[in-house]
């Protein structure tokens, strides 16, 4: 268990990263028995962190699928959420929307410079995505990438600036612009999952043109 995982129950961490899972899959991930994981989940359920839904598949026995509740997702930090939202609101009221956009643009330039410096010695799209996912994870996005037939999928299981993005969705557009600039014009990027749209994660399809 790494330092970040130590801050959370391991089952909560796995459900955050992998999404809803049946008992058998969660038991395998935790390397404990199904009985053991059921007891763990019942405890977490009593704390309001997880919940189960029953899915019927064909003629077989209905399967229980466990997932995080909104309280479970809230265990993962949103950096200084209340203060950030208040600052955005105050700036918008006092200085106007242009001032908010100016801050977003300045932050975008800063992130582009940071990522370009980090990826300077990376050759090839996959190496760049690996390094980008590493940096984003360090920044709290729980990021990973995987190879697909048509390219790659960049996955972010958490958004540490979610409250700010809800208050001003220009942050989400800025992130997409940042990825495009850093990975280059010959790369096509499409967001296919969006936390603000109700998805459990943000995910981007990435391929070379």
Protein backbone atom coordinates (compact mmCIF):
# COMPACT_ATOMS: atom_id res chain seq x y z
CA UNK A 1 0.00 0.00 0.00
CA UNK A 2 1.51 3.36 -1.01
CA UNK A 3 1.44 6.51 1.11
CA UNK A 4 -1.64 7.90 -0.60
CA UNK A 5 -3.58 4.65 -0.24
CA UNK A 6 -2.75 4.54 3.47
CA UNK A 7 -4.99 7.57 3.97
CA UNK A 8 -8.05 5.57 2.87
CA UNK A 9 -9.53 2.12 3.39
CA UNK A 10 -8.01 -0.06 0.66
CA UNK A 11 -11.44 -1.21 -0.56
CA UNK A 12 -12.53 2.43 -0.95
CA UNK A 13 -9.33 3.16 -2.87
CA UNK A 14 -9.90 0.24 -5.25
CA UNK A 15 -13.53 1.19 -5.91
CA UNK A 16 -12.42 4.75 -6.63
CA UNK A 17 -9.84 3.55 -9.16
CA UNK A 18 -11.75 0.71 -10.80
CA UNK A 19 -15.37 1.71 -10.38
CA UNK A 20 -18.23 -0.59 -9.28
CA UNK A 21 -17.15 -4.20 -8.68
CA UNK A 22 -18.75 -7.49 -7.68
CA UNK A 23 -17.68 -9.17 -4.43
CA UNK A 24 -15.51 -11.73 -6.19
CA UNK A 25 -13.50 -9.11 -8.09
CA UNK A 26 -13.02 -6.96 -5.01
CA UNK A 27 -11.96 -10.01 -2.96
CA UNK A 28 -9.37 -10.85 -5.62
CA UNK A 29 -8.05 -7.27 -5.67
CA UNK A 30 -7.80 -7.22 -1.85
CA UNK A 31 -6.40 -10.78 -1.72
CA UNK A 32 -8.91 -11.85 0.92
CA UNK A 33 -11.90 -14.21 0.94
CA UNK A 34 -15.34 -13.26 -0.31
CA UNK A 35 -16.61 -13.60 3.26
CA UNK A 36 -13.90 -11.25 4.46
CA UNK A 37 -14.62 -8.60 1.82
CA UNK A 38 -18.37 -8.85 2.52
CA UNK A 39 -17.76 -8.05 6.20
CA UNK A 40 -15.50 -5.14 5.22
CA UNK A 41 -18.11 -3.76 2.82
CA UNK A 42 -20.91 -4.06 5.36
CA UNK A 43 -18.83 -1.98 7.76
CA UNK A 44 -18.13 0.63 5.08
CA UNK A 45 -21.82 0.58 4.14
CA UNK A 46 -22.78 1.33 7.75
CA UNK A 47 -20.50 4.38 7.53
CA UNK A 48 -22.26 5.49 4.34
CA UNK A 49 -19.19 5.08 2.13
CA UNK A 50 -20.31 2.26 -0.16
CA UNK A 51 -23.57 0.80 -1.40
CA UNK A 52 -24.66 -2.31 -3.26
CA UNK A 53 -26.99 -2.77 -6.19
CA UNK A 54 -28.27 -6.12 -7.41
CA UNK A 55 -28.03 -6.94 -11.10
CA UNK A 56 -29.76 -9.94 -12.64
CA UNK A 57 -27.83 -11.65 -15.44
CA UNK A 58 -29.79 -14.18 -17.42
CA UNK A 59 -31.02 -17.18 -15.46
CA UNK A 60 -28.18 -17.18 -12.96
CA UNK A 61 -28.18 -15.86 -9.44
CA UNK A 62 -28.42 -12.04 -9.25
CA UNK A 63 -25.04 -10.41 -8.68
CA UNK A 64 -24.27 -7.76 -6.08
CA UNK A 65 -22.25 -4.83 -7.40
CA UNK A 66 -20.56 -2.52 -4.90
CA UNK A 67 -19.76 1.14 -5.56
CA UNK A 68 -18.81 4.29 -3.70
CA UNK A 69 -21.55 6.62 -2.51
CA UNK A 70 -21.23 10.39 -2.86
CA UNK A 71 -19.82 10.38 0.69
CA UNK A 72 -17.31 7.74 -0.38
CA UNK A 73 -16.14 9.89 -3.30
CA UNK A 74 -15.92 12.85 -0.93
CA UNK A 75 -13.20 11.06 1.06
CA UNK A 76 -10.79 12.03 -1.70
CA UNK A 77 -9.68 15.59 -1.37
CA UNK A 78 -10.82 18.52 -3.48
CA UNK A 79 -8.00 20.96 -2.80
CA UNK A 80 -9.28 23.89 -0.71
CA UNK A 81 -12.67 23.57 -2.41
CA UNK A 82 -14.70 26.10 -0.41
CA UNK A 83 -12.01 28.77 -0.50
CA UNK A 84 -11.45 28.29 -4.23
CA UNK A 85 -15.14 28.64 -5.06
CA UNK A 86 -15.44 31.75 -2.89
CA UNK A 87 -12.43 33.33 -4.59
CA UNK A 88 -13.83 32.59 -8.07
CA UNK A 89 -17.23 34.00 -7.10
CA UNK A 90 -15.71 37.12 -5.55
CA UNK A 91 -13.44 37.70 -8.55
CA UNK A 92 -16.36 37.31 -10.95
CA UNK A 93 -18.51 39.75 -8.97
CA UNK A 94 -15.77 42.32 -8.42
CA UNK A 95 -13.76 42.16 -11.63
CA UNK A 96 -15.98 40.41 -14.16
CA UNK A 97 -15.78 37.21 -16.19
CA UNK A 98 -12.78 38.47 -18.18
CA UNK A 99 -10.68 38.51 -15.01
CA UNK A 100 -11.64 34.92 -14.22
CA UNK A 101 -10.70 33.86 -17.75
CA UNK A 102 -7.39 35.71 -17.46
CA UNK A 103 -6.53 33.66 -14.37
CA UNK A 104 -7.49 30.42 -16.13
CA UNK A 105 -5.33 31.36 -19.14
CA UNK A 106 -2.36 32.23 -16.92
CA UNK A 107 -2.72 28.92 -15.06
CA UNK A 108 -2.95 27.07 -18.38
CA UNK A 109 0.34 28.60 -19.57
CA UNK A 110 1.98 27.62 -16.28
CA UNK A 111 0.78 24.01 -16.55
CA UNK A 112 1.85 23.75 -20.19
CA UNK A 113 5.35 24.89 -19.26
CA UNK A 114 5.47 22.41 -16.34
CA UNK A 115 4.37 19.47 -18.48
CA UNK A 116 6.58 20.37 -21.45
CA UNK A 117 9.62 20.50 -19.18
CA UNK A 118 8.72 17.12 -17.66
CA UNK A 119 8.12 15.51 -21.07
CA UNK A 120 11.15 17.04 -22.76
CA UNK A 121 13.10 13.76 -22.88
CA UNK A 122 10.09 11.54 -23.70
CA UNK A 123 9.92 10.14 -27.22
CA UNK A 124 6.75 8.65 -28.64
CA UNK A 125 3.15 9.15 -27.61
CA UNK A 126 3.04 6.25 -25.14
CA UNK A 127 6.08 7.47 -23.20
CA UNK A 128 4.60 10.95 -23.07
CA UNK A 129 1.28 9.63 -21.78
CA UNK A 130 3.03 7.55 -19.15
CA UNK A 131 4.89 10.58 -17.84
CA UNK A 132 1.80 12.79 -18.03
CA UNK A 133 -0.24 10.25 -16.06
CA UNK A 134 2.52 10.08 -13.46
CA UNK A 135 2.53 13.87 -13.00
CA UNK A 136 -1.26 14.09 -12.91
CA UNK A 137 -1.40 11.34 -10.27
CA UNK A 138 1.10 13.25 -8.17
CA UNK A 139 -1.22 16.25 -8.45
CA UNK A 140 -4.15 14.22 -7.13
CA UNK A 141 -5.94 13.11 -10.31
CA UNK A 142 -5.37 9.35 -9.80
CA UNK A 143 -4.39 9.14 -13.46
CA UNK A 144 -3.44 6.16 -15.58
CA UNK A 145 -3.35 5.29 -19.25
CA UNK A 146 -3.95 2.11 -21.20
CA UNK A 147 -3.38 1.07 -24.79
CA UNK A 148 -6.40 0.40 -27.01
CA UNK A 149 -6.81 -0.77 -30.60
CA UNK A 150 -7.31 2.77 -31.90
CA UNK A 151 -4.78 4.47 -29.64
CA UNK A 152 -4.76 5.15 -25.90
CA UNK A 153 -7.10 6.00 -23.07
CA UNK A 154 -6.00 8.55 -20.46
CA UNK A 155 -8.07 8.02 -17.31
CA UNK A 156 -8.40 10.35 -14.32
CA UNK A 157 -10.32 8.70 -11.48
CA UNK A 158 -10.46 11.82 -9.34
CA UNK A 159 -10.64 15.58 -9.85
CA UNK A 160 -8.95 17.53 -7.04
CA UNK A 161 -10.32 20.81 -8.47
CA UNK A 162 -13.87 19.57 -9.01
CA UNK A 163 -15.52 22.34 -6.99
CA UNK A 164 -13.59 25.00 -8.90
CA UNK A 165 -14.49 23.35 -12.22
CA UNK A 166 -18.17 23.33 -11.25
CA UNK A 167 -17.97 27.02 -10.42
CA UNK A 168 -16.16 27.75 -13.68
CA UNK A 169 -16.08 25.13 -16.41
CA UNK A 170 -13.38 27.07 -18.20
CA UNK A 171 -10.96 24.97 -16.10
CA UNK A 172 -12.08 21.81 -17.93
CA UNK A 173 -11.66 23.41 -21.34
CA UNK A 174 -8.25 24.66 -20.26
CA UNK A 175 -7.16 21.14 -19.27
CA UNK A 176 -8.13 19.83 -22.69
CA UNK A 177 -6.19 22.67 -24.34
CA UNK A 178 -3.19 21.88 -22.13
CA UNK A 179 -3.17 18.20 -23.13
CA UNK A 180 -3.45 19.14 -26.80
CA UNK A 181 -0.56 21.62 -26.62
CA UNK A 182 1.71 19.29 -24.67
CA UNK A 183 1.07 16.18 -26.79
CA UNK A 184 1.22 18.07 -30.08
CA UNK A 185 -0.94 18.95 -33.08
CA UNK A 186 -0.49 15.51 -34.63
CA UNK A 187 -2.40 13.96 -31.72
CA UNK A 188 -6.19 13.77 -31.58
CA UNK A 189 -7.81 14.06 -28.13
CA UNK A 190 -11.46 13.49 -27.28
CA UNK A 191 -13.00 13.56 -23.80
CA UNK A 192 -15.39 10.59 -23.56
CA UNK A 193 -16.16 10.64 -19.80
CA UNK A 194 -16.59 13.76 -17.69
CA UNK A 195 -17.04 13.89 -13.92
CA UNK A 196 -19.00 17.13 -14.18
CA UNK A 197 -21.44 15.39 -16.53
CA UNK A 198 -22.10 12.69 -13.95
CA UNK A 199 -19.46 10.12 -14.90
CA UNK A 200 -17.37 8.52 -12.16
CA UNK A 201 -14.17 9.61 -13.90
CA UNK A 202 -12.76 11.78 -16.67
CA UNK A 203 -11.39 9.84 -19.63
CA UNK A 204 -9.79 10.90 -22.90
CA UNK A 205 -9.36 8.95 -26.13
CA UNK A 206 -5.96 9.82 -27.56
CA UNK A 207 -4.56 8.76 -30.91
CA UNK A 208 -2.09 9.92 -33.51
CA UNK A 209 -3.62 11.53 -36.58
